Protein backbone atom coordinates (compact mmCIF):
# COMPACT_ATOMS: atom_id res chain seq x y z
CA MET A 1 81.24 89.29 85.69
CA PRO A 2 80.89 90.94 82.13
CA ALA A 3 78.40 92.86 80.74
CA LEU A 4 78.32 89.91 78.44
CA TRP A 5 77.56 87.18 80.74
CA LYS A 6 75.15 89.07 82.56
CA LEU A 7 73.10 90.24 78.48
CA LEU A 8 73.37 86.05 77.81
CA ILE A 9 71.98 85.07 81.60
CA TRP A 10 69.13 87.47 81.03
CA ILE A 11 68.38 86.00 77.13
CA VAL A 12 67.92 82.25 78.70
CA ILE A 13 66.49 83.45 81.40
CA GLY A 14 64.37 86.39 79.44
CA GLY A 15 63.87 82.80 77.04
CA ALA A 16 62.78 80.31 80.32
CA ALA A 17 60.62 83.00 81.39
CA GLY A 18 58.83 82.98 78.43
CA TRP A 19 58.48 79.17 77.27
CA LEU A 20 56.99 78.61 80.58
CA THR A 21 54.31 81.62 80.48
CA GLY A 22 53.84 79.56 77.04
CA VAL A 23 53.03 76.86 78.48
CA ILE A 24 51.08 77.92 81.57
CA VAL A 25 48.99 80.54 79.29
CA LYS A 26 48.31 78.64 75.81
CA GLY A 27 49.96 74.72 75.72
CA LYS A 28 53.42 75.96 73.90
CA GLY A 29 55.39 78.31 73.61
CA TYR A 30 55.76 81.38 71.66
CA GLY A 31 58.76 80.23 69.30
CA CYS A 32 62.44 80.90 70.23
CA LEU A 33 62.66 85.06 69.26
CA GLY A 34 59.06 85.69 71.30
CA ASN A 35 60.15 83.91 73.99
CA VAL A 36 63.03 85.07 75.20
CA VAL A 37 61.04 89.03 74.40
CA VAL A 38 57.78 87.55 75.91
CA GLY A 39 60.23 86.83 79.36
CA ILE A 40 62.40 90.63 79.28
CA ILE A 41 59.02 92.07 79.18
CA GLY A 42 57.62 89.78 82.40
CA SER A 43 60.49 90.11 84.23
CA VAL A 44 59.64 94.50 83.91
CA VAL A 45 56.76 93.99 84.34
CA GLY A 46 57.29 91.33 87.56
CA GLY A 47 59.60 93.73 88.98
CA TRP A 48 57.65 96.86 88.63
CA LEU A 49 54.95 94.97 90.21
CA PHE A 50 56.60 94.08 92.93
CA GLN A 51 57.70 96.91 94.31
CA VAL A 52 54.30 98.58 94.15
CA ILE A 53 52.44 95.58 95.35
CA PRO A 54 53.09 96.92 99.45
CA GLY A 55 54.83 94.28 101.55
CA VAL A 56 56.54 92.35 98.32
CA ARG A 57 59.83 91.80 98.02
CA PRO A 58 61.43 90.18 94.72
CA LEU A 59 64.02 87.15 96.50
CA PRO A 60 67.44 88.30 94.61
CA GLY A 61 68.77 84.38 92.72
CA LEU A 62 68.42 82.65 88.86
CA ILE A 63 65.38 80.53 90.30
CA CYS A 64 63.69 83.98 92.46
CA SER A 65 64.56 86.17 88.70
CA LEU A 66 62.82 83.87 86.63
CA ILE A 67 60.18 83.37 88.80
CA THR A 68 59.64 86.76 88.19
CA ALA A 69 59.74 86.90 85.35
CA VAL A 70 57.57 84.51 84.26
CA ILE A 71 54.64 86.20 87.17
CA GLY A 72 55.17 89.46 85.28
CA ALA A 73 54.62 87.66 81.59
CA VAL A 74 51.99 85.86 82.55
CA VAL A 75 49.88 89.22 83.65
CA LEU A 76 51.51 90.58 80.69
CA ILE A 77 50.01 88.09 78.52
CA ALA A 78 47.03 88.38 80.63
CA VAL A 79 46.36 92.60 79.81
CA LEU A 80 47.43 91.42 76.38
CA ARG A 81 44.07 89.36 75.41
CA LEU A 82 42.22 91.93 77.47
CA LEU A 83 42.79 94.19 75.13
CA THR A 84 41.91 92.59 71.93
CA GLU A 85 39.55 89.88 72.45
């Protein structure tokens, strides 16, 4: 798969994960760019969490990547809220 397609998939999954996180955490998204940023950072956080927790591994596939990104983004937002409030 060419690198451009991989980048586009990252952006789409990041946007969807950011939007879902916004809906879960605050009832609406963070705007188009905010959703992508939150989702991409969330995917990194979620991937790291799944590697750190013993016996838990993320499954392959787009849906599982989206779920991992949403879990990571929710954790990210929760930690940021704890630090700023």
